[in-house]
Amino acid sequence: MIFNAVPALTWAIFPEPQCDLQKLWERVYTEWFPTSGYEQVEGPQFEMYYGMPGHTQGEIWIPVKKK
């Protein structure tokens, strides 16, 4: 069995209770990054999904560092 390790990074985690991750991606880059004092670093980005059909929540995980 092959496992790929996720590197140890600092992550900005953005929850989205309505699971509208497309709109959340846009808001992260147009609203959060310009004002946060953080910048994105190289590494994997994740979309996480939780819940049951009809009641799904999501999160976006982006690797970051302070500017």
Protein backbone atom coordinates (compact mmCIF):
# COMPACT_ATOMS: atom_id res chain seq x y z
CA MET A 1 0.00 0.00 0.00
CA ILE A 2 1.35 3.46 -0.92
CA PHE A 3 0.66 6.45 1.29
CA ASN A 4 1.50 10.00 0.34
CA ALA A 5 2.43 12.18 3.28
CA VAL A 6 0.96 15.63 3.67
CA PRO A 7 3.74 18.07 4.56
CA ALA A 8 3.65 19.89 7.88
CA LEU A 9 2.45 23.38 7.00
CA THR A 10 0.41 26.19 8.50
CA TRP A 11 -3.13 25.99 7.13
CA ALA A 12 -5.84 28.59 6.75
CA ILE A 13 -9.12 26.67 7.14
CA PHE A 14 -12.34 28.16 5.82
CA PRO A 15 -15.57 26.41 6.89
CA GLU A 16 -18.68 26.65 4.72
CA PRO A 17 -21.86 25.33 6.38
CA GLN A 18 -23.87 25.53 3.13
CA CYS A 19 -21.14 23.75 1.15
CA ASP A 20 -21.02 26.51 -1.49
CA LEU A 21 -17.28 26.09 -1.95
CA GLN A 22 -17.13 27.76 -5.36
CA LYS A 23 -18.25 31.08 -3.84
CA LEU A 24 -15.98 30.53 -0.85
CA TRP A 25 -12.90 30.08 -3.08
CA GLU A 26 -13.69 33.44 -4.68
CA ARG A 27 -14.13 35.16 -1.32
CA VAL A 28 -10.87 33.72 0.04
CA TYR A 29 -8.85 35.20 -2.83
CA THR A 30 -10.72 38.50 -3.25
CA GLU A 31 -11.46 39.32 0.41
CA TRP A 32 -9.37 37.31 2.85
CA PHE A 33 -5.90 37.15 1.28
CA PRO A 34 -5.69 40.90 0.46
CA THR A 35 -6.41 41.86 4.10
CA SER A 36 -5.15 38.90 6.15
CA GLY A 37 -1.41 39.45 6.42
CA TYR A 38 -0.88 35.93 5.03
CA GLU A 39 0.17 34.63 1.65
CA GLN A 40 -0.29 31.26 0.06
CA VAL A 41 2.68 28.89 -0.03
CA GLU A 42 3.38 25.90 -2.24
CA GLY A 43 1.59 22.80 -1.07
CA PRO A 44 -1.64 20.91 -1.52
CA GLN A 45 -5.01 22.61 -1.15
CA PHE A 46 -7.91 20.56 0.13
CA GLU A 47 -11.66 20.62 -0.05
CA MET A 48 -13.20 18.60 2.79
CA TYR A 49 -16.82 17.48 2.84
CA TYR A 50 -18.80 16.32 5.89
CA GLY A 51 -22.32 15.22 6.58
CA MET A 52 -25.05 13.33 4.87
CA PRO A 53 -26.73 13.89 1.49
CA GLY A 54 -28.96 16.93 1.78
CA HIS A 55 -27.02 18.24 4.80
CA THR A 56 -23.40 18.56 3.65
CA GLN A 57 -20.86 21.00 5.05
CA GLY A 58 -17.46 21.78 3.60
CA GLU A 59 -14.08 23.34 4.31
CA ILE A 60 -11.26 24.69 2.22
CA TRP A 61 -7.69 24.21 3.51
CA ILE A 62 -4.93 26.39 2.02
CA PRO A 63 -1.27 26.36 3.10
CA VAL A 64 -0.12 29.84 4.19
CA LYS A 65 2.64 31.83 5.85
CA LYS A 66 2.75 35.32 7.38
CA LYS A 67 3.92 38.03 4.99
